[in-house]
Amino acid sequence: MKAHLRVARKQDCPRLLELIKELAIFERAPQEVTVSLEHFEEAGFGAKPVWKAFVVEVDNFIVGFALYYVRYSTWKGSRLYLEDLIVTEVMRGRGIGKMLFNRMIQEARELGYNGMTWQVLDWNEPAIKFYKKYEAGLEAGWLNASLTTEQILNYKL
């Protein structure tokens, strides 16, 4: 198996969205993927891109990717926020996740970020084990909070 890592391109977006949906099924939340292909493409490759990704291909087929954006912490400064690290199920355990995660570390170094952050579900033991190999700190005590588009639009200011 020859795996090739490269920067994601706009034409990769349909496949990336397929992998995002695969991850959502794994995370028991397929209904939560509501982004359209058009919005996803615009957010990554439009006039004001907000994310960047790296993909790994095997036989010219994308089998995994890592997508990040810049997060600013008033405590730490600019940090690389790893939004998704996805390897399709049949390709797990072959070093593809390591290729992608190592590339994220390299990207954080090259761009001078003050660290890298991400989230992992507390029941995702394979992912936790993977991150512990890097001696990653896993924080407890923080709750995720969010508002949907509908909540924002319907809130009376």
C-alpha atoms as a PDB file:
ATOM      1  CA  MET A   1       0.000   0.000   0.000  1.00  0.00           C
ATOM      2  CA  LYS A   2       1.423   3.368  -1.050  1.00  0.00           C
ATOM      3  CA  ALA A   3      -0.184   6.282   0.799  1.00  0.00           C
ATOM      4  CA  HIS A   4       0.286   9.834  -0.475  1.00  0.00           C
ATOM      5  CA  LEU A   5      -0.325  12.925   1.689  1.00  0.00           C
ATOM      6  CA  ARG A   6      -1.160  16.264   0.059  1.00  0.00           C
ATOM      7  CA  VAL A   7      -3.049  19.528   0.588  1.00  0.00           C
ATOM      8  CA  ALA A   8      -6.786  19.241  -0.039  1.00  0.00           C
ATOM      9  CA  ARG A   9      -8.237  20.788  -3.198  1.00  0.00           C
ATOM     10  CA  LYS A  10     -11.730  22.073  -3.921  1.00  0.00           C
ATOM     11  CA  GLN A  11     -12.537  19.047  -6.066  1.00  0.00           C
ATOM     12  CA  ASP A  12     -11.905  16.845  -2.993  1.00  0.00           C
ATOM     13  CA  CYS A  13     -14.844  18.346  -1.102  1.00  0.00           C
ATOM     14  CA  PRO A  14     -17.489  15.775  -2.134  1.00  0.00           C
ATOM     15  CA  ARG A  15     -15.269  12.943  -0.865  1.00  0.00           C
ATOM     16  CA  LEU A  16     -14.390  14.864   2.307  1.00  0.00           C
ATOM     17  CA  LEU A  17     -18.088  15.320   2.998  1.00  0.00           C
ATOM     18  CA  GLU A  18     -18.607  11.568   2.540  1.00  0.00           C
ATOM     19  CA  LEU A  19     -15.931  10.926   5.163  1.00  0.00           C
ATOM     20  CA  ILE A  20     -17.458  13.531   7.482  1.00  0.00           C
ATOM     21  CA  LYS A  21     -20.774  11.692   7.252  1.00  0.00           C
ATOM     22  CA  GLU A  22     -19.007   8.385   7.945  1.00  0.00           C
ATOM     23  CA  LEU A  23     -17.470   9.932  11.067  1.00  0.00           C
ATOM     24  CA  ALA A  24     -20.851  11.295  12.173  1.00  0.00           C
ATOM     25  CA  ILE A  25     -22.340   7.796  11.933  1.00  0.00           C
ATOM     26  CA  PHE A  26     -19.440   6.440  14.006  1.00  0.00           C
ATOM     27  CA  GLU A  27     -20.012   9.206  16.558  1.00  0.00           C
ATOM     28  CA  ARG A  28     -23.730   8.320  16.698  1.00  0.00           C
ATOM     29  CA  ALA A  29     -24.853  11.694  15.354  1.00  0.00           C
ATOM     30  CA  PRO A  30     -25.465  11.422  11.587  1.00  0.00           C
ATOM     31  CA  GLN A  31     -28.314  13.949  11.765  1.00  0.00           C
ATOM     32  CA  GLU A  32     -25.883  16.619  12.962  1.00  0.00           C
ATOM     33  CA  VAL A  33     -24.157  16.963   9.563  1.00  0.00           C
ATOM     34  CA  THR A  34     -26.169  19.772   8.000  1.00  0.00           C
ATOM     35  CA  VAL A  35     -23.498  21.642   6.015  1.00  0.00           C
ATOM     36  CA  SER A  36     -24.153  21.772   2.271  1.00  0.00           C
ATOM     37  CA  LEU A  37     -21.444  20.920  -0.232  1.00  0.00           C
ATOM     38  CA  GLU A  38     -21.610  24.500  -1.535  1.00  0.00           C
ATOM     39  CA  HIS A  39     -21.081  25.995   1.928  1.00  0.00           C
ATOM     40  CA  PHE A  40     -18.285  23.535   2.676  1.00  0.00           C
ATOM     41  CA  GLU A  41     -16.498  24.413  -0.571  1.00  0.00           C
ATOM     42  CA  GLU A  42     -16.937  28.167  -0.050  1.00  0.00           C
ATOM     43  CA  ALA A  43     -15.647  27.954   3.529  1.00  0.00           C
ATOM     44  CA  GLY A  44     -12.504  26.176   2.382  1.00  0.00           C
ATOM     45  CA  PHE A  45     -11.854  27.606  -1.063  1.00  0.00           C
ATOM     46  CA  GLY A  46     -13.916  30.777  -1.436  1.00  0.00           C
ATOM     47  CA  ALA A  47     -12.885  34.410  -1.180  1.00  0.00           C
ATOM     48  CA  LYS A  48     -12.279  34.142   2.588  1.00  0.00           C
ATOM     49  CA  PRO A  49     -11.313  30.552   3.403  1.00  0.00           C
ATOM     50  CA  VAL A  50     -11.590  29.591   7.056  1.00  0.00           C
ATOM     51  CA  TRP A  51     -10.235  26.038   6.966  1.00  0.00           C
ATOM     52  CA  LYS A  52      -7.399  24.064   5.428  1.00  0.00           C
ATOM     53  CA  ALA A  53      -7.048  20.313   5.128  1.00  0.00           C
ATOM     54  CA  PHE A  54      -4.581  17.600   4.231  1.00  0.00           C
ATOM     55  CA  VAL A  55      -5.690  14.365   2.623  1.00  0.00           C
ATOM     56  CA  VAL A  56      -4.156  10.933   2.292  1.00  0.00           C
ATOM     57  CA  GLU A  57      -4.779   9.002  -0.906  1.00  0.00           C
ATOM     58  CA  VAL A  58      -4.257   5.337  -1.641  1.00  0.00           C
ATOM     59  CA  ASP A  59      -4.526   4.440  -5.331  1.00  0.00           C
ATOM     60  CA  ASN A  60      -5.712   8.017  -6.039  1.00  0.00           C
ATOM     61  CA  PHE A  61      -8.669   7.608  -3.633  1.00  0.00           C
ATOM     62  CA  ILE A  62      -8.954   9.727  -0.475  1.00  0.00           C
ATOM     63  CA  VAL A  63      -8.984   7.446   2.575  1.00  0.00           C
ATOM     64  CA  GLY A  64      -8.468  10.059   5.279  1.00  0.00           C
ATOM     65  CA  PHE A  65      -8.059  13.726   6.021  1.00  0.00           C
ATOM     66  CA  ALA A  66      -7.283  16.241   8.730  1.00  0.00           C
ATOM     67  CA  LEU A  67      -9.034  19.613   8.684  1.00  0.00           C
ATOM     68  CA  TYR A  68      -8.019  22.578  10.828  1.00  0.00           C
ATOM     69  CA  TYR A  69      -8.533  26.266  11.369  1.00  0.00           C
ATOM     70  CA  VAL A  70      -6.942  28.930  13.566  1.00  0.00           C
ATOM     71  CA  ARG A  71      -8.301  29.300  17.076  1.00  0.00           C
ATOM     72  CA  TYR A  72      -7.341  32.262  19.193  1.00  0.00           C
ATOM     73  CA  SER A  73      -7.035  31.791  22.945  1.00  0.00           C
ATOM     74  CA  THR A  74      -6.769  34.847  25.145  1.00  0.00           C
ATOM     75  CA  TRP A  75      -4.681  32.689  27.475  1.00  0.00           C
ATOM     76  CA  LYS A  76      -2.413  30.991  24.916  1.00  0.00           C
ATOM     77  CA  GLY A  77      -2.546  32.983  21.661  1.00  0.00           C
ATOM     78  CA  SER A  78      -3.017  31.542  18.167  1.00  0.00           C
ATOM     79  CA  ARG A  79      -3.446  27.777  18.097  1.00  0.00           C
ATOM     80  CA  LEU A  80      -4.132  25.220  15.422  1.00  0.00           C
ATOM     81  CA  TYR A  81      -7.587  23.745  16.058  1.00  0.00           C
ATOM     82  CA  LEU A  82      -7.890  20.251  14.610  1.00  0.00           C
ATOM     83  CA  GLU A  83     -11.562  20.009  13.729  1.00  0.00           C
ATOM     84  CA  ASP A  84     -11.506  16.530  12.217  1.00  0.00           C
ATOM     85  CA  LEU A  85      -9.041  13.704  11.805  1.00  0.00           C
ATOM     86  CA  ILE A  86     -10.773  10.996   9.815  1.00  0.00           C
ATOM     87  CA  VAL A  87      -9.542   7.714   8.391  1.00  0.00           C
ATOM     88  CA  THR A  88     -12.127   5.555   6.695  1.00  0.00           C
ATOM     89  CA  GLU A  89     -12.848   2.450   8.760  1.00  0.00           C
ATOM     90  CA  VAL A  90     -11.319  -0.110   6.378  1.00  0.00           C
ATOM     91  CA  MET A  91      -8.012   1.807   6.318  1.00  0.00           C
ATOM     92  CA  ARG A  92      -7.545   2.285  10.077  1.00  0.00           C
ATOM     93  CA  GLY A  93      -4.480   0.781  11.706  1.00  0.00           C
ATOM     94  CA  ARG A  94      -2.225   1.344   8.686  1.00  0.00           C
ATOM     95  CA  GLY A  95      -0.431   4.502   9.794  1.00  0.00           C
ATOM     96  CA  ILE A  96      -2.647   6.964   7.908  1.00  0.00           C
ATOM     97  CA  GLY A  97      -3.861   8.691  11.075  1.00  0.00           C
ATOM     98  CA  LYS A  98      -0.257   9.054  12.183  1.00  0.00           C
ATOM     99  CA  MET A  99       0.680  10.606   8.828  1.00  0.00           C
ATOM    100  CA  LEU A 100      -2.106  13.145   9.170  1.00  0.00           C
ATOM    101  CA  PHE A 101      -1.500  13.946  12.837  1.00  0.00           C
ATOM    102  CA  ASN A 102       2.223  14.360  12.255  1.00  0.00           C
ATOM    103  CA  ARG A 103       1.409  16.760   9.405  1.00  0.00           C
ATOM    104  CA  MET A 104      -0.755  18.786  11.782  1.00  0.00           C
ATOM    105  CA  ILE A 105       2.132  19.037  14.237  1.00  0.00           C
ATOM    106  CA  GLN A 106       4.420  20.107  11.398  1.00  0.00           C
ATOM    107  CA  GLU A 107       1.858  22.713  10.251  1.00  0.00           C
ATOM    108  CA  ALA A 108       1.586  24.144  13.784  1.00  0.00           C
ATOM    109  CA  ARG A 109       5.385  24.432  13.927  1.00  0.00           C
ATOM    110  CA  GLU A 110       5.714  25.977  10.459  1.00  0.00           C
ATOM    111  CA  LEU A 111       3.016  28.576  11.117  1.00  0.00           C
ATOM    112  CA  GLY A 112       4.332  29.419  14.574  1.00  0.00           C
ATOM    113  CA  TYR A 113       1.184  28.512  16.506  1.00  0.00           C
ATOM    114  CA  ASN A 114       1.308  28.312  20.289  1.00  0.00           C
ATOM    115  CA  GLY A 115      -0.031  24.775  20.346  1.00  0.00           C
ATOM    116  CA  MET A 116      -2.701  22.563  18.919  1.00  0.00           C
ATOM    117  CA  THR A 117      -6.110  21.681  20.343  1.00  0.00           C
ATOM    118  CA  TRP A 118      -8.924  19.295  19.427  1.00  0.00           C
ATOM    119  CA  GLN A 119     -11.748  17.318  20.960  1.00  0.00           C
ATOM    120  CA  VAL A 120     -12.229  13.594  21.371  1.00  0.00           C
ATOM    121  CA  LEU A 121     -15.313  11.812  22.648  1.00  0.00           C
ATOM    122  CA  ASP A 122     -14.751  10.291  26.069  1.00  0.00           C
ATOM    123  CA  TRP A 123     -15.944   6.865  24.852  1.00  0.00           C
ATOM    124  CA  ASN A 124     -13.705   6.779  21.760  1.00  0.00           C
ATOM    125  CA  GLU A 125     -11.021   4.566  23.300  1.00  0.00           C
ATOM    126  CA  PRO A 126      -9.061   3.935  20.052  1.00  0.00           C
ATOM    127  CA  ALA A 127      -8.720   7.699  19.474  1.00  0.00           C
ATOM    128  CA  ILE A 128      -7.802   8.361  23.109  1.00  0.00           C
ATOM    129  CA  LYS A 129      -5.152   5.640  22.946  1.00  0.00           C
ATOM    130  CA  PHE A 130      -3.820   7.171  19.697  1.00  0.00           C
ATOM    131  CA  TYR A 131      -3.525  10.666  21.215  1.00  0.00           C
ATOM    132  CA  LYS A 132      -1.917   9.351  24.392  1.00  0.00           C
ATOM    133  CA  LYS A 133       0.950   8.017  22.250  1.00  0.00           C
ATOM    134  CA  TYR A 134       1.718  11.689  21.606  1.00  0.00           C
ATOM    135  CA  GLU A 135       1.486  12.456  25.331  1.00  0.00           C
ATOM    136  CA  ALA A 136      -1.479  14.729  24.624  1.00  0.00           C
ATOM    137  CA  GLY A 137      -3.211  16.320  27.580  1.00  0.00           C
ATOM    138  CA  LEU A 138      -6.857  15.294  27.887  1.00  0.00           C
ATOM    139  CA  GLU A 139      -8.867  17.831  29.873  1.00  0.00           C
ATOM    140  CA  ALA A 140     -11.937  17.092  31.941  1.00  0.00           C
ATOM    141  CA  GLY A 141     -14.436  19.571  33.264  1.00  0.00           C
ATOM    142  CA  TRP A 142     -15.218  21.569  30.120  1.00  0.00           C
ATOM    143  CA  LEU A 143     -18.642  21.331  28.510  1.00  0.00           C
ATOM    144  CA  ASN A 144     -19.254  22.061  24.845  1.00  0.00           C
ATOM    145  CA  ALA A 145     -21.732  24.871  24.202  1.00  0.00           C
ATOM    146  CA  SER A 146     -23.269  25.986  20.912  1.00  0.00           C
ATOM    147  CA  LEU A 147     -26.141  27.799  19.237  1.00  0.00           C
ATOM    148  CA  THR A 148     -27.692  26.641  15.971  1.00  0.00           C
ATOM    149  CA  THR A 149     -28.399  28.943  13.034  1.00  0.00           C
ATOM    150  CA  GLU A 150     -32.101  28.810  13.940  1.00  0.00           C
ATOM    151  CA  GLN A 151     -31.406  29.781  17.551  1.00  0.00           C
ATOM    152  CA  ILE A 152     -29.292  32.729  16.441  1.00  0.00           C
ATOM    153  CA  LEU A 153     -31.898  33.921  13.939  1.00  0.00           C
ATOM    154  CA  ASN A 154     -34.805  33.483  16.355  1.00  0.00           C
ATOM    155  CA  TYR A 155     -33.195  35.130  19.377  1.00  0.00           C
ATOM    156  CA  LYS A 156     -34.851  38.435  20.249  1.00  0.00           C
ATOM    157  CA  LEU A 157     -32.141  41.075  20.624  1.00  0.00           C
END
